[in-house]
C-alpha atoms as a PDB file:
ATOM      1  CA  MET A   1      71.855 116.000  90.517  1.00  0.00           C
ATOM      2  CA  LYS A   2      73.930 114.825  93.484  1.00  0.00           C
ATOM      3  CA  LYS A   3      76.381 117.241  95.099  1.00  0.00           C
ATOM      4  CA  LYS A   4      79.355 115.041  94.108  1.00  0.00           C
ATOM      5  CA  ASP A   5      78.192 115.040  90.474  1.00  0.00           C
ATOM      6  CA  THR A   6      77.883 118.826  90.529  1.00  0.00           C
ATOM      7  CA  ILE A   7      81.410 119.165  91.923  1.00  0.00           C
ATOM      8  CA  LYS A   8      82.747 116.743  89.303  1.00  0.00           C
ATOM      9  CA  LYS A   9      81.073 118.708  86.516  1.00  0.00           C
ATOM     10  CA  ARG A  10      82.642 121.951  87.790  1.00  0.00           C
ATOM     11  CA  LEU A  11      85.997 120.187  88.187  1.00  0.00           C
ATOM     12  CA  TRP A  12      85.958 118.888  84.612  1.00  0.00           C
ATOM     13  CA  GLN A  13      85.155 122.415  83.382  1.00  0.00           C
ATOM     14  CA  ILE A  14      88.108 123.860  85.320  1.00  0.00           C
ATOM     15  CA  LEU A  15      90.400 121.199  83.836  1.00  0.00           C
ATOM     16  CA  LEU A  16      89.263 122.101  80.327  1.00  0.00           C
ATOM     17  CA  GLU A  17      90.263 125.712  81.004  1.00  0.00           C
ATOM     18  CA  ILE A  18      93.921 124.833  81.734  1.00  0.00           C
ATOM     19  CA  PRO A  19      95.848 125.765  78.595  1.00  0.00           C
ATOM     20  CA  ILE A  20      98.016 123.226  76.784  1.00  0.00           C
ATOM     21  CA  GLY A  21     101.549 123.337  78.162  1.00  0.00           C
ATOM     22  CA  GLU A  22     100.493 124.670  81.555  1.00  0.00           C
ATOM     23  CA  THR A  23      99.765 123.027  84.884  1.00  0.00           C
ATOM     24  CA  ARG A  24      97.804 123.835  88.011  1.00  0.00           C
ATOM     25  CA  SER A  25      98.253 122.466  91.510  1.00  0.00           C
ATOM     26  CA  TYR A  26      95.675 120.434  93.379  1.00  0.00           C
ATOM     27  CA  SER A  27      95.422 123.314  95.857  1.00  0.00           C
ATOM     28  CA  GLU A  28      94.783 125.855  93.070  1.00  0.00           C
ATOM     29  CA  ILE A  29      92.005 123.654  91.729  1.00  0.00           C
ATOM     30  CA  SER A  30      90.455 123.114  95.157  1.00  0.00           C
ATOM     31  CA  LYS A  31      90.485 126.874  95.799  1.00  0.00           C
ATOM     32  CA  LYS A  32      88.771 127.476  92.460  1.00  0.00           C
ATOM     33  CA  LEU A  33      86.080 125.036  93.561  1.00  0.00           C
ATOM     34  CA  ASN A  34      85.719 126.945  96.860  1.00  0.00           C
ATOM     35  CA  MET A  35      86.977 123.861  98.682  1.00  0.00           C
ATOM     36  CA  PRO A  36      90.480 124.998  99.742  1.00  0.00           C
ATOM     37  CA  LYS A  37      90.974 122.310 102.382  1.00  0.00           C
ATOM     38  CA  ARG A  38      89.756 119.442 100.202  1.00  0.00           C
ATOM     39  CA  THR A  39      92.755 118.801  97.942  1.00  0.00           C
ATOM     40  CA  ARG A  40      92.721 115.066  98.653  1.00  0.00           C
ATOM     41  CA  TYR A  41      89.046 114.918  97.756  1.00  0.00           C
ATOM     42  CA  ILE A  42      89.785 116.711  94.484  1.00  0.00           C
ATOM     43  CA  SER A  43      92.589 114.233  93.841  1.00  0.00           C
ATOM     44  CA  SER A  44      90.190 111.336  94.372  1.00  0.00           C
ATOM     45  CA  LEU A  45      87.687 112.871  91.928  1.00  0.00           C
ATOM     46  CA  LEU A  46      90.389 113.182  89.287  1.00  0.00           C
ATOM     47  CA  LYS A  47      90.787 109.401  89.445  1.00  0.00           C
ATOM     48  CA  GLU A  48      87.160 109.147  88.307  1.00  0.00           C
ATOM     49  CA  ASN A  49      87.807 111.150  85.128  1.00  0.00           C
ATOM     50  CA  PRO A  50      86.201 109.064  82.344  1.00  0.00           C
ATOM     51  CA  TYR A  51      88.287 110.757  79.610  1.00  0.00           C
ATOM     52  CA  PRO A  52      91.772 111.345  81.085  1.00  0.00           C
ATOM     53  CA  ILE A  53      93.344 112.712  77.894  1.00  0.00           C
ATOM     54  CA  THR A  54      90.375 114.734  76.642  1.00  0.00           C
ATOM     55  CA  ILE A  55      89.646 116.179  80.096  1.00  0.00           C
ATOM     56  CA  PRO A  56      93.262 116.998  80.976  1.00  0.00           C
ATOM     57  CA  CYS A  57      93.643 115.790  84.549  1.00  0.00           C
ATOM     58  CA  HIS A  58      97.318 115.194  83.708  1.00  0.00           C
ATOM     59  CA  ARG A  59      97.803 118.973  83.960  1.00  0.00           C
ATOM     60  CA  VAL A  60      97.203 118.882  87.712  1.00  0.00           C
ATOM     61  CA  ILE A  61     100.342 118.472  89.800  1.00  0.00           C
ATOM     62  CA  TYR A  62     101.463 118.923  93.390  1.00  0.00           C
ATOM     63  CA  LYS A  63     102.136 122.399  94.773  1.00  0.00           C
ATOM     64  CA  ASN A  64     105.825 121.479  95.171  1.00  0.00           C
ATOM     65  CA  ARG A  65     105.911 120.867  91.354  1.00  0.00           C
ATOM     66  CA  LYS A  66     106.149 117.072  91.669  1.00  0.00           C
ATOM     67  CA  ILE A  67     104.228 115.281  88.933  1.00  0.00           C
ATOM     68  CA  GLY A  68     102.012 113.052  91.047  1.00  0.00           C
ATOM     69  CA  LYS A  69     100.078 109.968  90.072  1.00  0.00           C
ATOM     70  CA  TYR A  70      98.224 109.327  86.847  1.00  0.00           C
ATOM     71  CA  ILE A  71      95.940 106.565  85.618  1.00  0.00           C
ATOM     72  CA  TYR A  72      98.472 105.614  82.905  1.00  0.00           C
ATOM     73  CA  GLY A  73     101.521 106.008  85.155  1.00  0.00           C
ATOM     74  CA  GLU A  74     103.739 108.854  86.250  1.00  0.00           C
ATOM     75  CA  GLU A  75     106.212 108.432  83.382  1.00  0.00           C
ATOM     76  CA  PHE A  76     103.421 108.790  80.824  1.00  0.00           C
ATOM     77  CA  LYS A  77     102.089 111.862  82.648  1.00  0.00           C
ATOM     78  CA  LYS A  78     105.569 113.399  82.558  1.00  0.00           C
ATOM     79  CA  PHE A  79     105.852 112.573  78.845  1.00  0.00           C
ATOM     80  CA  ILE A  80     102.488 114.214  78.037  1.00  0.00           C
ATOM     81  CA  LEU A  81     103.347 117.352  80.011  1.00  0.00           C
ATOM     82  CA  GLU A  82     106.720 117.702  78.280  1.00  0.00           C
ATOM     83  CA  TRP A  83     105.150 117.070  74.870  1.00  0.00           C
ATOM     84  CA  GLU A  84     102.467 119.698  75.497  1.00  0.00           C
ATOM     85  CA  LYS A  85     105.110 122.225  76.585  1.00  0.00           C
ATOM     86  CA  SER A  86     106.887 121.670  73.262  1.00  0.00           C
ATOM     87  CA  LEU A  87     103.680 122.658  71.439  1.00  0.00           C
ATOM     88  CA  LYS A  88     103.588 126.142  72.990  1.00  0.00           C
END
């Protein structure tokens, strides 16, 4: 397995561990992957998520709490996050 594939597999697992209604920052995720200075790389891998709702990449936001980009648009990402918060 290629190194990038291994990192993606670990990344998807970390995303699955984020509880509904909660978020994590790109920097938190990169630290969990032992790649603290690679937040942009992590961001680029999230764009490759084949199942963006099932593997909840929408739960990853910027450290300053801004929503950030999403494959289906920022407004939809904001909607999903608010909806998930209401489920808690």
